[in-house]
C-alpha atoms as a PDB file:
ATOM      1  CA  MET A   1      -2.550  11.247  12.421  1.00  0.00           C
ATOM      2  CA  ASN A   2       1.164  11.839  12.841  1.00  0.00           C
ATOM      3  CA  LYS A   3       2.140   8.202  13.227  1.00  0.00           C
ATOM      4  CA  SER A   4       3.778   5.717  10.908  1.00  0.00           C
ATOM      5  CA  TYR A   5       4.366   2.003  11.273  1.00  0.00           C
ATOM      6  CA  LEU A   6       7.988   2.405  10.162  1.00  0.00           C
ATOM      7  CA  THR A   7      10.811   4.934  10.457  1.00  0.00           C
ATOM      8  CA  LEU A   8      12.257   6.517   7.320  1.00  0.00           C
ATOM      9  CA  LEU A   9      15.401   4.428   7.751  1.00  0.00           C
ATOM     10  CA  GLU A  10      13.385   1.186   7.862  1.00  0.00           C
ATOM     11  CA  ILE A  11      11.395   2.272   4.805  1.00  0.00           C
ATOM     12  CA  SER A  12      14.578   3.131   2.893  1.00  0.00           C
ATOM     13  CA  GLU A  13      16.126  -0.256   3.666  1.00  0.00           C
ATOM     14  CA  ILE A  14      13.056  -2.108   2.411  1.00  0.00           C
ATOM     15  CA  ILE A  15      12.814   0.016  -0.746  1.00  0.00           C
ATOM     16  CA  GLN A  16      16.499  -0.525  -1.444  1.00  0.00           C
ATOM     17  CA  ASN A  17      15.870  -4.288  -1.467  1.00  0.00           C
ATOM     18  CA  GLU A  18      12.387  -4.414  -3.025  1.00  0.00           C
ATOM     19  CA  GLU A  19      12.536  -1.607  -5.599  1.00  0.00           C
ATOM     20  CA  PRO A  20      16.233  -0.866  -6.226  1.00  0.00           C
ATOM     21  CA  ASN A  21      15.470   0.884  -9.533  1.00  0.00           C
ATOM     22  CA  LEU A  22      13.336   3.496  -7.713  1.00  0.00           C
ATOM     23  CA  TYR A  23      15.468   3.781  -4.569  1.00  0.00           C
ATOM     24  CA  GLU A  24      17.759   6.545  -5.835  1.00  0.00           C
ATOM     25  CA  GLU A  25      14.807   8.718  -6.855  1.00  0.00           C
ATOM     26  CA  PHE A  26      13.180   8.156  -3.445  1.00  0.00           C
ATOM     27  CA  ASP A  27      16.428   8.816  -1.576  1.00  0.00           C
ATOM     28  CA  LYS A  28      16.783  12.261  -3.209  1.00  0.00           C
ATOM     29  CA  LEU A  29      13.428  13.448  -1.822  1.00  0.00           C
ATOM     30  CA  GLU A  30      13.240  15.692   1.236  1.00  0.00           C
ATOM     31  CA  ASP A  31      12.671  13.846   4.511  1.00  0.00           C
ATOM     32  CA  ARG A  32       9.553  15.947   5.088  1.00  0.00           C
ATOM     33  CA  LYS A  33       7.960  14.592   1.902  1.00  0.00           C
ATOM     34  CA  LYS A  34       8.970  10.997   2.733  1.00  0.00           C
ATOM     35  CA  GLN A  35       7.585  11.340   6.272  1.00  0.00           C
ATOM     36  CA  TYR A  36       4.294  12.679   4.940  1.00  0.00           C
ATOM     37  CA  ALA A  37       4.071   9.725   2.512  1.00  0.00           C
ATOM     38  CA  ALA A  38       4.769   7.260   5.367  1.00  0.00           C
ATOM     39  CA  GLN A  39       2.047   8.829   7.497  1.00  0.00           C
ATOM     40  CA  LYS A  40      -0.400   8.743   4.588  1.00  0.00           C
ATOM     41  CA  ALA A  41       0.386   5.055   3.910  1.00  0.00           C
ATOM     42  CA  THR A  42      -0.239   4.305   7.597  1.00  0.00           C
ATOM     43  CA  PHE A  43      -3.471   6.324   7.470  1.00  0.00           C
ATOM     44  CA  LYS A  44      -4.696   4.237   4.519  1.00  0.00           C
ATOM     45  CA  ILE A  45      -4.073   1.020   6.455  1.00  0.00           C
ATOM     46  CA  GLU A  46      -5.781   2.392   9.558  1.00  0.00           C
ATOM     47  CA  ASN A  47      -8.916   3.166   7.540  1.00  0.00           C
ATOM     48  CA  LEU A  48      -9.476  -0.297   6.066  1.00  0.00           C
ATOM     49  CA  GLY A  49     -11.891  -1.473   8.754  1.00  0.00           C
ATOM     50  CA  ILE A  50      -9.415  -3.967  10.219  1.00  0.00           C
ATOM     51  CA  VAL A  51     -10.492  -4.830  13.768  1.00  0.00           C
ATOM     52  CA  ASN A  52      -8.092  -5.096  16.703  1.00  0.00           C
ATOM     53  CA  ARG A  53     -10.165  -5.367  19.876  1.00  0.00           C
ATOM     54  CA  THR A  54      -7.133  -4.880  22.140  1.00  0.00           C
ATOM     55  CA  LYS A  55      -6.215  -1.561  20.510  1.00  0.00           C
ATOM     56  CA  LYS A  56      -6.503   1.489  22.745  1.00  0.00           C
ATOM     57  CA  VAL A  57      -7.480   4.950  21.528  1.00  0.00           C
ATOM     58  CA  GLY A  58      -4.549   6.548  19.715  1.00  0.00           C
ATOM     59  CA  GLU A  59      -2.783   3.233  19.030  1.00  0.00           C
ATOM     60  CA  LEU A  60      -2.218   1.751  15.591  1.00  0.00           C
ATOM     61  CA  THR A  61      -4.152  -1.353  14.498  1.00  0.00           C
ATOM     62  CA  PHE A  62      -1.104  -3.542  13.897  1.00  0.00           C
ATOM     63  CA  PRO A  63       0.377  -5.685  15.288  1.00  0.00           C
ATOM     64  CA  LEU A  64      -2.732  -7.766  15.874  1.00  0.00           C
ATOM     65  CA  PRO A  65      -3.091  -9.664  19.178  1.00  0.00           C
ATOM     66  CA  TYR A  66      -1.917 -13.012  17.768  1.00  0.00           C
ATOM     67  CA  GLN A  67       1.234 -11.354  16.353  1.00  0.00           C
ATOM     68  CA  ASN A  68       2.722 -11.041  19.858  1.00  0.00           C
ATOM     69  CA  GLY A  69       3.672  -7.384  19.555  1.00  0.00           C
ATOM     70  CA  ILE A  70       5.708  -7.904  16.374  1.00  0.00           C
ATOM     71  CA  LEU A  71       4.813  -5.984  13.229  1.00  0.00           C
ATOM     72  CA  GLY A  72       4.528  -8.555  10.433  1.00  0.00           C
ATOM     73  CA  PHE A  73       6.880  -8.334   7.480  1.00  0.00           C
ATOM     74  CA  ASP A  74       3.873  -8.169   5.149  1.00  0.00           C
ATOM     75  CA  ILE A  75       2.728  -4.949   6.849  1.00  0.00           C
ATOM     76  CA  GLN A  76       6.272  -3.552   6.728  1.00  0.00           C
ATOM     77  CA  LEU A  77       6.422  -4.257   2.987  1.00  0.00           C
ATOM     78  CA  CYS A  78       2.975  -2.742   2.502  1.00  0.00           C
ATOM     79  CA  VAL A  79       3.913   0.492   4.286  1.00  0.00           C
ATOM     80  CA  ALA A  80       7.272   0.825   2.535  1.00  0.00           C
ATOM     81  CA  LEU A  81       5.949   0.181  -0.989  1.00  0.00           C
ATOM     82  CA  GLU A  82       2.930   2.426  -0.546  1.00  0.00           C
ATOM     83  CA  THR A  83       5.157   5.158   0.935  1.00  0.00           C
ATOM     84  CA  LEU A  84       7.423   4.899  -2.127  1.00  0.00           C
ATOM     85  CA  TYR A  85       4.580   5.308  -4.601  1.00  0.00           C
ATOM     86  CA  ILE A  86       2.920   8.122  -2.654  1.00  0.00           C
ATOM     87  CA  ALA A  87       6.208  10.021  -2.327  1.00  0.00           C
ATOM     88  CA  LEU A  88       7.035   9.614  -6.029  1.00  0.00           C
ATOM     89  CA  ASN A  89       3.421  10.356  -7.038  1.00  0.00           C
ATOM     90  CA  ARG A  90       3.129   7.057  -8.925  1.00  0.00           C
ATOM     91  CA  GLN A  91       0.429   4.463  -9.328  1.00  0.00           C
ATOM     92  CA  SER A  92       0.647   0.799 -10.382  1.00  0.00           C
ATOM     93  CA  GLU A  93      -0.370   0.303 -13.992  1.00  0.00           C
ATOM     94  CA  GLU A  94      -3.044  -2.293 -13.071  1.00  0.00           C
ATOM     95  CA  ILE A  95      -4.708   0.046 -10.586  1.00  0.00           C
ATOM     96  CA  LYS A  96      -4.575   2.945 -13.019  1.00  0.00           C
ATOM     97  CA  LEU A  97      -6.185   0.877 -15.795  1.00  0.00           C
ATOM     98  CA  SER A  98      -8.852  -0.537 -13.470  1.00  0.00           C
ATOM     99  CA  GLN A  99      -9.833   2.922 -12.279  1.00  0.00           C
ATOM    100  CA  LEU A 100     -10.192   4.005 -15.891  1.00  0.00           C
ATOM    101  CA  GLY A 101     -12.468   1.000 -16.521  1.00  0.00           C
ATOM    102  CA  VAL A 102     -10.122  -0.756 -18.963  1.00  0.00           C
ATOM    103  CA  VAL A 103     -10.905  -4.491 -19.166  1.00  0.00           C
ATOM    104  CA  SER A 104      -8.594  -5.420 -22.038  1.00  0.00           C
ATOM    105  CA  LYS A 105      -5.478  -4.048 -23.676  1.00  0.00           C
ATOM    106  CA  SER A 106      -3.844  -4.872 -27.002  1.00  0.00           C
ATOM    107  CA  ASP A 107      -0.528  -3.953 -28.538  1.00  0.00           C
ATOM    108  CA  LYS A 108       0.127  -4.928 -32.163  1.00  0.00           C
ATOM    109  CA  SER A 109       0.119  -8.746 -32.042  1.00  0.00           C
ATOM    110  CA  ALA A 110      -0.598  -9.325 -28.327  1.00  0.00           C
ATOM    111  CA  SER A 111      -3.669  -8.684 -26.232  1.00  0.00           C
ATOM    112  CA  VAL A 112      -4.520  -9.032 -22.567  1.00  0.00           C
ATOM    113  CA  THR A 113      -7.945  -9.325 -20.970  1.00  0.00           C
ATOM    114  CA  PHE A 114      -8.115  -8.585 -17.256  1.00  0.00           C
ATOM    115  CA  ASP A 115     -10.089 -10.697 -14.816  1.00  0.00           C
ATOM    116  CA  LYS A 116     -13.399  -8.917 -14.159  1.00  0.00           C
ATOM    117  CA  GLY A 117     -13.132  -9.692 -10.442  1.00  0.00           C
ATOM    118  CA  LEU A 118      -9.722  -8.018 -10.307  1.00  0.00           C
ATOM    119  CA  VAL A 119     -10.899  -4.988 -12.255  1.00  0.00           C
ATOM    120  CA  THR A 120     -13.897  -4.614  -9.947  1.00  0.00           C
ATOM    121  CA  SER A 121     -11.843  -4.965  -6.763  1.00  0.00           C
ATOM    122  CA  LEU A 122      -9.235  -2.446  -7.939  1.00  0.00           C
ATOM    123  CA  LYS A 123     -11.706   0.093  -9.323  1.00  0.00           C
ATOM    124  CA  ASN A 124     -12.121   1.757  -5.900  1.00  0.00           C
ATOM    125  CA  CYS A 125      -8.679   0.840  -4.555  1.00  0.00           C
ATOM    126  CA  GLU A 126      -7.229   3.594  -2.374  1.00  0.00           C
ATOM    127  CA  PHE A 127      -3.691   2.241  -2.706  1.00  0.00           C
ATOM    128  CA  ASN A 128      -1.153   3.473  -5.254  1.00  0.00           C
ATOM    129  CA  ASN A 129       0.922   0.269  -5.260  1.00  0.00           C
ATOM    130  CA  LEU A 130      -0.673  -3.064  -6.198  1.00  0.00           C
ATOM    131  CA  LYS A 131       1.937  -5.107  -4.294  1.00  0.00           C
ATOM    132  CA  ALA A 132       1.220  -3.077  -1.148  1.00  0.00           C
ATOM    133  CA  TYR A 133      -2.516  -3.649  -1.571  1.00  0.00           C
ATOM    134  CA  ASN A 134      -1.993  -7.387  -2.039  1.00  0.00           C
ATOM    135  CA  PHE A 135       0.005  -7.576   1.211  1.00  0.00           C
ATOM    136  CA  ILE A 136      -2.782  -5.933   3.267  1.00  0.00           C
ATOM    137  CA  LYS A 137      -5.785  -7.395   1.397  1.00  0.00           C
ATOM    138  CA  LYS A 138      -5.961 -10.568   3.506  1.00  0.00           C
ATOM    139  CA  TYR A 139      -6.621  -8.510   6.653  1.00  0.00           C
ATOM    140  CA  ILE A 140      -9.479  -6.454   5.182  1.00  0.00           C
ATOM    141  CA  PRO A 141     -12.916  -7.708   6.308  1.00  0.00           C
ATOM    142  CA  LYS A 142     -15.036  -9.041   3.422  1.00  0.00           C
ATOM    143  CA  SER A 143     -17.818  -6.662   4.451  1.00  0.00           C
ATOM    144  CA  PHE A 144     -15.572  -3.591   4.098  1.00  0.00           C
ATOM    145  CA  ASN A 145     -16.231  -1.460   1.026  1.00  0.00           C
ATOM    146  CA  MET A 146     -13.512   0.885  -0.230  1.00  0.00           C
ATOM    147  CA  ARG A 147     -14.768   4.205  -1.562  1.00  0.00           C
END
């Protein structure tokens, strides 16, 4: 798949507003690497089992029919944030811990116990960025199983 929901310029603008502390690092990357990350983020979304019955072969799933041909801002944010983390080879701390099977964490005088439902849902999460996953999660069919 050589398609992306957003152009590199659109992705850069969103990252500049959403993750200004990582923008400079992202901006220094080669366009080829950023484009690959954008395509991979789009590929992840396309493989979530989201149904669009009006979609023709070769078309992207979004926008959905009720979105009147307009790509929702939630999907734009999802693509941009996931592109950022793929390009920088990063992963959200919560996803990383869940995939390692960590259910609680303590540091000197403070401790945190993670919700078992969250840990279970993130254990097989294909996304690198938790915010991106949370934006797309509402569209994923309940019967879909990430592996």
